[in-house]
């Protein structure tokens, strides 16, 4: 993983290359923020708080369905092991 939080749109850019495939995936903007936050925890309330804080928005502005969708995508890529219940 290469993390460039200052690059590109708000949230920066994250380059992921899961060990099992080595294929490089580029995650940008708010999705990069979610990916970074998921490295600490995939617990939905904590993930929502960290994402809101990083994006400088309220937790009410963070859509849980979108968080789960991004986590599902990251899990399919092999970048996240767990996801919220």
N, C-alpha and C. Protein backbone atom coordinates (compact mmCIF):
# COMPACT_ATOMS: atom_id res chain seq x y z
N UNK A 1 0.84 -1.16 0.00
CA UNK A 1 0.00 0.00 0.00
C UNK A 1 0.90 1.24 0.00
N UNK A 2 0.52 2.18 -0.83
CA UNK A 2 1.16 3.49 -0.85
C UNK A 2 0.05 4.51 -0.58
N UNK A 3 0.25 5.34 0.40
CA UNK A 3 -0.77 6.30 0.80
C UNK A 3 -0.30 7.71 0.45
N UNK A 4 -1.11 8.42 -0.33
CA UNK A 4 -0.84 9.81 -0.71
C UNK A 4 -2.06 10.65 -0.35
N UNK A 5 -2.27 10.93 0.95
CA UNK A 5 -3.48 11.66 1.36
C UNK A 5 -3.57 13.07 0.79
N UNK A 6 -2.45 13.64 0.39
CA UNK A 6 -2.47 15.01 -0.13
C UNK A 6 -2.72 15.07 -1.63
N UNK A 7 -2.70 13.94 -2.33
CA UNK A 7 -2.87 13.93 -3.79
C UNK A 7 -4.35 13.96 -4.19
N UNK A 8 -4.62 14.55 -5.32
CA UNK A 8 -5.94 14.48 -5.94
C UNK A 8 -7.04 15.14 -5.14
N UNK A 9 -8.24 14.55 -5.29
CA UNK A 9 -9.41 15.12 -4.65
C UNK A 9 -9.34 14.98 -3.13
N UNK A 10 -10.31 15.59 -2.48
CA UNK A 10 -10.39 15.55 -1.02
C UNK A 10 -10.37 14.09 -0.57
N UNK A 11 -9.39 13.74 0.21
CA UNK A 11 -9.26 12.35 0.66
C UNK A 11 -8.02 11.70 0.10
N UNK A 12 -7.45 12.30 -0.94
CA UNK A 12 -6.20 11.80 -1.49
C UNK A 12 -6.33 10.53 -2.30
N UNK A 13 -5.22 9.84 -2.41
CA UNK A 13 -5.13 8.64 -3.23
C UNK A 13 -4.44 7.54 -2.44
N UNK A 14 -4.95 6.34 -2.58
CA UNK A 14 -4.38 5.17 -1.92
C UNK A 14 -4.16 4.12 -3.00
N UNK A 15 -2.95 3.61 -3.07
CA UNK A 15 -2.62 2.56 -4.05
C UNK A 15 -2.52 1.24 -3.29
N UNK A 16 -3.33 0.27 -3.66
CA UNK A 16 -3.37 -1.02 -2.98
C UNK A 16 -2.93 -2.13 -3.93
N UNK A 17 -2.11 -3.03 -3.44
CA UNK A 17 -1.72 -4.20 -4.22
C UNK A 17 -1.76 -5.41 -3.29
N UNK A 18 -2.89 -6.10 -3.24
CA UNK A 18 -2.99 -7.27 -2.37
C UNK A 18 -1.93 -8.31 -2.72
N UNK A 19 -1.39 -8.94 -1.69
CA UNK A 19 -0.31 -9.90 -1.87
C UNK A 19 -0.73 -11.07 -2.76
N UNK A 20 -1.96 -11.52 -2.62
CA UNK A 20 -2.37 -12.71 -3.38
C UNK A 20 -2.40 -12.50 -4.88
N UNK A 21 -2.60 -11.26 -5.34
CA UNK A 21 -2.67 -11.02 -6.79
C UNK A 21 -1.57 -10.09 -7.28
N UNK A 22 -1.16 -9.16 -6.44
CA UNK A 22 -0.16 -8.18 -6.83
C UNK A 22 -0.71 -7.10 -7.75
N UNK A 23 -1.99 -7.20 -8.11
CA UNK A 23 -2.62 -6.23 -8.98
C UNK A 23 -2.82 -4.91 -8.24
N UNK A 24 -2.41 -3.81 -8.86
CA UNK A 24 -2.51 -2.50 -8.22
C UNK A 24 -3.90 -1.92 -8.44
N UNK A 25 -4.50 -1.45 -7.35
CA UNK A 25 -5.81 -0.79 -7.39
C UNK A 25 -5.64 0.61 -6.84
N UNK A 26 -6.27 1.57 -7.48
CA UNK A 26 -6.19 2.97 -7.04
C UNK A 26 -7.53 3.36 -6.43
N UNK A 27 -7.47 3.83 -5.20
CA UNK A 27 -8.66 4.26 -4.48
C UNK A 27 -8.48 5.76 -4.20
N UNK A 28 -9.48 6.56 -4.56
CA UNK A 28 -9.33 8.01 -4.43
C UNK A 28 -10.48 8.63 -3.63
N UNK A 29 -10.25 9.85 -3.22
CA UNK A 29 -11.29 10.64 -2.57
C UNK A 29 -11.82 10.03 -1.29
N UNK A 30 -13.12 10.12 -1.11
CA UNK A 30 -13.76 9.63 0.11
C UNK A 30 -13.54 8.13 0.30
N UNK A 31 -13.47 7.37 -0.78
CA UNK A 31 -13.21 5.93 -0.67
C UNK A 31 -11.83 5.68 -0.06
N UNK A 32 -10.86 6.52 -0.39
CA UNK A 32 -9.52 6.39 0.22
C UNK A 32 -9.59 6.67 1.72
N UNK A 33 -10.42 7.62 2.10
CA UNK A 33 -10.60 7.93 3.52
C UNK A 33 -11.19 6.73 4.24
N UNK A 34 -12.21 6.10 3.65
CA UNK A 34 -12.83 4.92 4.25
C UNK A 34 -11.81 3.78 4.35
N UNK A 35 -11.03 3.59 3.29
CA UNK A 35 -10.02 2.53 3.30
C UNK A 35 -9.01 2.76 4.42
N UNK A 36 -8.53 4.00 4.58
CA UNK A 36 -7.59 4.32 5.66
C UNK A 36 -8.22 4.04 7.02
N UNK A 37 -9.45 4.48 7.20
CA UNK A 37 -10.14 4.28 8.49
C UNK A 37 -10.37 2.80 8.77
N UNK A 38 -10.58 2.01 7.73
CA UNK A 38 -10.82 0.57 7.92
C UNK A 38 -9.58 -0.18 8.37
N UNK A 39 -8.40 0.43 8.23
CA UNK A 39 -7.18 -0.20 8.72
C UNK A 39 -7.16 -0.22 10.24
N UNK A 40 -7.87 0.74 10.86
CA UNK A 40 -7.96 0.80 12.31
C UNK A 40 -9.09 -0.09 12.81
N UNK A 41 -10.24 0.00 12.16
CA UNK A 41 -11.41 -0.77 12.59
C UNK A 41 -12.45 -0.81 11.47
N UNK A 42 -13.16 -1.95 11.37
CA UNK A 42 -14.28 -2.03 10.44
C UNK A 42 -15.61 -1.97 11.19
N UNK A 43 -15.55 -1.65 12.49
CA UNK A 43 -16.76 -1.44 13.27
C UNK A 43 -17.47 -0.21 12.71
N UNK A 44 -18.71 -0.38 12.28
CA UNK A 44 -19.42 0.67 11.55
C UNK A 44 -19.48 2.01 12.27
N UNK A 45 -19.88 2.06 13.56
CA UNK A 45 -19.91 3.37 14.22
C UNK A 45 -18.53 4.04 14.28
N UNK A 46 -17.48 3.26 14.57
CA UNK A 46 -16.14 3.82 14.62
C UNK A 46 -15.68 4.27 13.23
N UNK A 47 -15.98 3.46 12.23
CA UNK A 47 -15.63 3.80 10.85
C UNK A 47 -16.32 5.09 10.42
N UNK A 48 -17.60 5.22 10.77
CA UNK A 48 -18.36 6.43 10.45
C UNK A 48 -17.72 7.66 11.11
N UNK A 49 -17.36 7.52 12.39
CA UNK A 49 -16.75 8.64 13.12
C UNK A 49 -15.41 9.04 12.49
N UNK A 50 -14.57 8.07 12.20
CA UNK A 50 -13.25 8.37 11.62
C UNK A 50 -13.38 8.98 10.23
N UNK A 51 -14.32 8.47 9.45
CA UNK A 51 -14.53 8.99 8.10
C UNK A 51 -15.04 10.42 8.15
N UNK A 52 -16.03 10.67 9.01
CA UNK A 52 -16.57 12.02 9.15
C UNK A 52 -15.49 13.00 9.60
N UNK A 53 -14.69 12.57 10.55
CA UNK A 53 -13.63 13.43 11.06
C UNK A 53 -12.62 13.77 9.96
N UNK A 54 -12.20 12.76 9.20
CA UNK A 54 -11.22 12.98 8.13
C UNK A 54 -11.76 13.86 7.01
N UNK A 55 -13.07 13.73 6.73
CA UNK A 55 -13.69 14.53 5.66
C UNK A 55 -14.21 15.87 6.17
N UNK A 56 -14.11 16.08 7.48
CA UNK A 56 -14.59 17.31 8.12
C UNK A 56 -16.07 17.56 7.85
N UNK A 57 -16.86 16.49 8.06
CA UNK A 57 -18.31 16.57 7.94
C UNK A 57 -18.91 15.97 9.21
N UNK A 58 -20.22 16.10 9.37
CA UNK A 58 -20.87 15.48 10.53
C UNK A 58 -21.08 13.99 10.25
N UNK A 59 -21.26 13.22 11.30
CA UNK A 59 -21.51 11.79 11.12
C UNK A 59 -22.84 11.53 10.40
N UNK A 60 -23.78 12.48 10.51
CA UNK A 60 -25.06 12.33 9.82
C UNK A 60 -24.89 12.44 8.30
N UNK A 61 -23.81 13.07 7.87
CA UNK A 61 -23.57 13.23 6.44
C UNK A 61 -22.87 12.01 5.82
N UNK A 62 -22.48 11.06 6.65
CA UNK A 62 -21.81 9.86 6.17
C UNK A 62 -22.86 8.75 6.03
N UNK A 63 -23.01 8.22 4.83
CA UNK A 63 -24.02 7.20 4.52
C UNK A 63 -23.48 5.81 4.85
N UNK A 64 -24.12 5.13 5.82
CA UNK A 64 -23.68 3.79 6.23
C UNK A 64 -23.69 2.80 5.07
N UNK A 65 -24.68 2.90 4.20
CA UNK A 65 -24.75 1.98 3.06
C UNK A 65 -23.53 2.14 2.15
N UNK A 66 -23.10 3.36 1.97
CA UNK A 66 -21.91 3.62 1.14
C UNK A 66 -20.67 3.07 1.84
N UNK A 67 -20.57 3.25 3.16
CA UNK A 67 -19.44 2.70 3.90
C UNK A 67 -19.34 1.19 3.71
N UNK A 68 -20.46 0.51 3.86
CA UNK A 68 -20.48 -0.95 3.70
C UNK A 68 -20.14 -1.34 2.26
N UNK A 69 -20.64 -0.59 1.31
CA UNK A 69 -20.33 -0.87 -0.10
C UNK A 69 -18.83 -0.74 -0.38
N UNK A 70 -18.23 0.32 0.13
CA UNK A 70 -16.77 0.51 -0.06
C UNK A 70 -16.01 -0.61 0.64
N UNK A 71 -16.42 -0.97 1.86
CA UNK A 71 -15.76 -2.06 2.57
C UNK A 71 -15.89 -3.38 1.82
N UNK A 72 -17.06 -3.64 1.26
CA UNK A 72 -17.25 -4.86 0.47
C UNK A 72 -16.30 -4.88 -0.72
N UNK A 73 -16.16 -3.74 -1.39
CA UNK A 73 -15.23 -3.65 -2.53
C UNK A 73 -13.80 -3.89 -2.07
N UNK A 74 -13.41 -3.29 -0.97
CA UNK A 74 -12.06 -3.47 -0.44
C UNK A 74 -11.82 -4.92 -0.02
N UNK A 75 -12.85 -5.55 0.50
CA UNK A 75 -12.72 -6.95 0.90
C UNK A 75 -12.54 -7.84 -0.33
N UNK A 76 -13.28 -7.56 -1.39
CA UNK A 76 -13.12 -8.32 -2.64
C UNK A 76 -11.72 -8.17 -3.22
N UNK A 77 -11.13 -7.00 -3.02
CA UNK A 77 -9.76 -6.76 -3.50
C UNK A 77 -8.72 -7.42 -2.60
N UNK A 78 -9.14 -7.85 -1.41
CA UNK A 78 -8.21 -8.45 -0.47
C UNK A 78 -7.52 -7.42 0.41
N UNK A 79 -8.03 -6.20 0.42
CA UNK A 79 -7.40 -5.12 1.19
C UNK A 79 -7.95 -5.02 2.61
N UNK A 80 -9.15 -5.56 2.85
CA UNK A 80 -9.79 -5.52 4.16
C UNK A 80 -10.21 -6.94 4.50
N UNK A 81 -9.90 -7.37 5.72
CA UNK A 81 -10.23 -8.73 6.10
C UNK A 81 -11.64 -8.84 6.65
N UNK A 82 -12.02 -7.92 7.50
CA UNK A 82 -13.35 -7.99 8.11
C UNK A 82 -14.22 -6.87 7.64
N UNK A 83 -15.50 -7.00 7.90
CA UNK A 83 -16.43 -5.92 7.59
C UNK A 83 -17.46 -5.83 8.70
N UNK A 84 -18.16 -4.70 8.79
CA UNK A 84 -19.11 -4.53 9.90
C UNK A 84 -20.29 -5.47 9.80
N UNK A 85 -20.88 -5.74 10.93
CA UNK A 85 -22.08 -6.59 10.99
C UNK A 85 -23.31 -5.75 10.98
